Amino acid sequence: MTVYIDPPTWPGHGRMWSHLVSDVSYDELHAFAEQLGVPRRAFERDHYDIPSHRYADAVRAGAVEVSSREVVRLLQGAGLRRPKGREAPPQRG
């Protein structure tokens, strides 16, 4: 199981956030997030929003650190990208 996380550089709700993604399936991503104790409500279209104070926890649990551009590339390459305002692709895994 490999999941990826970008640096916490996305502002929102008075915090900085990272994106946690899988390049295999949403099931893999949901399983990792559950193991980490991240609530399902943190899932948004194709990624989990992870607050900056949980970034190190995700990395310790096995998330691979990548750039934000790499997160998008990984999602697109896996066919898992779900941009805002577009119809969701069929859910894989």
Protein backbone atom coordinates (compact mmCIF):
# COMPACT_ATOMS: atom_id res chain seq x y z
CA MET A 1 0.00 0.00 0.00
CA THR A 2 1.42 3.37 -1.01
CA VAL A 3 -0.28 6.66 -0.36
CA TYR A 4 1.17 10.10 -0.93
CA ILE A 5 0.97 13.43 0.86
CA ASP A 6 1.92 16.92 -0.23
CA PRO A 7 3.27 19.64 2.10
CA PRO A 8 0.75 21.52 4.25
CA THR A 9 0.63 24.65 2.09
CA TRP A 10 -3.12 24.96 1.44
CA PRO A 11 -4.89 27.51 3.68
CA GLY A 12 -8.42 27.00 4.96
CA HIS A 13 -10.43 27.46 8.12
CA GLY A 14 -7.50 29.12 9.91
CA ARG A 15 -5.14 26.19 9.23
CA MET A 16 -2.77 24.84 6.64
CA TRP A 17 -3.65 21.58 4.90
CA SER A 18 -2.08 18.72 2.97
CA HIS A 19 -3.67 16.36 0.49
CA LEU A 20 -3.47 12.60 1.03
CA VAL A 21 -3.96 10.50 -2.13
CA SER A 22 -3.57 7.00 -3.53
CA ASP A 23 -2.41 6.12 -7.02
CA VAL A 24 -4.14 2.73 -6.85
CA SER A 25 -7.69 3.04 -5.49
CA TYR A 26 -10.01 4.94 -3.21
CA ASP A 27 -10.34 1.79 -1.09
CA GLU A 28 -6.61 1.87 -0.40
CA LEU A 29 -6.85 5.56 0.49
CA HIS A 30 -9.86 5.07 2.78
CA ALA A 31 -8.14 2.16 4.56
CA PHE A 32 -5.00 4.22 5.19
CA ALA A 33 -7.02 7.20 6.44
CA GLU A 34 -9.04 4.96 8.74
CA GLN A 35 -5.85 3.43 10.14
CA LEU A 36 -4.60 6.97 10.77
CA GLY A 37 -7.87 7.93 12.50
CA VAL A 38 -8.86 10.48 9.85
CA PRO A 39 -12.65 10.85 9.64
CA ARG A 40 -14.36 10.05 6.32
CA ARG A 41 -15.75 13.61 6.25
CA ALA A 42 -12.18 14.77 5.47
CA PHE A 43 -12.45 13.03 2.06
CA GLU A 44 -13.06 15.50 -0.76
CA ARG A 45 -13.65 14.11 -4.28
CA ASP A 46 -10.26 12.36 -4.72
CA HIS A 47 -8.19 13.11 -1.61
CA TYR A 48 -8.24 13.55 2.13
CA ASP A 49 -7.55 16.96 3.61
CA ILE A 50 -4.99 16.52 6.38
CA PRO A 51 -4.30 19.41 8.80
CA SER A 52 -0.66 20.42 9.20
CA HIS A 53 -0.49 19.09 12.76
CA ARG A 54 -1.23 15.55 11.41
CA TYR A 55 1.29 15.68 8.55
CA ALA A 56 4.08 13.97 10.48
CA ASP A 57 1.64 11.29 11.69
CA ALA A 58 0.77 10.46 8.08
CA VAL A 59 4.43 10.26 7.08
CA ARG A 60 5.26 8.05 10.09
CA ALA A 61 2.38 5.76 9.08
CA GLY A 62 3.92 5.36 5.62
CA ALA A 63 2.67 8.20 3.42
CA VAL A 64 5.29 9.21 0.86
CA GLU A 65 6.09 12.92 0.76
CA VAL A 66 5.65 14.45 -2.72
CA SER A 67 5.03 17.89 -4.19
CA SER A 68 1.54 19.22 -4.85
CA ARG A 69 2.15 18.89 -8.58
CA GLU A 70 3.12 15.26 -8.07
CA VAL A 71 -0.15 14.63 -6.20
CA VAL A 72 -2.11 15.82 -9.24
CA ARG A 73 0.09 13.83 -11.63
CA LEU A 74 -0.36 10.65 -9.57
CA LEU A 75 -4.14 11.06 -9.46
CA GLN A 76 -4.35 11.75 -13.19
CA GLY A 77 -2.09 8.83 -14.06
CA ALA A 78 -4.24 6.47 -11.99
CA GLY A 79 -7.48 7.80 -13.45
CA LEU A 80 -8.60 8.88 -9.98
CA ARG A 81 -8.60 12.67 -10.45
CA ARG A 82 -11.96 14.33 -9.79
CA PRO A 83 -11.67 18.08 -10.47
CA LYS A 84 -14.25 20.45 -8.98
CA GLY A 85 -17.25 21.04 -11.19
CA ARG A 86 -16.73 17.99 -13.40
CA GLU A 87 -18.66 14.77 -13.41
CA ALA A 88 -16.96 12.16 -11.28
CA PRO A 89 -15.29 9.32 -13.19
CA PRO A 90 -16.37 5.78 -12.36
CA GLN A 91 -15.05 4.87 -8.91
CA ARG A 92 -12.17 2.40 -9.04
CA GLY A 93 -11.62 0.15 -6.07
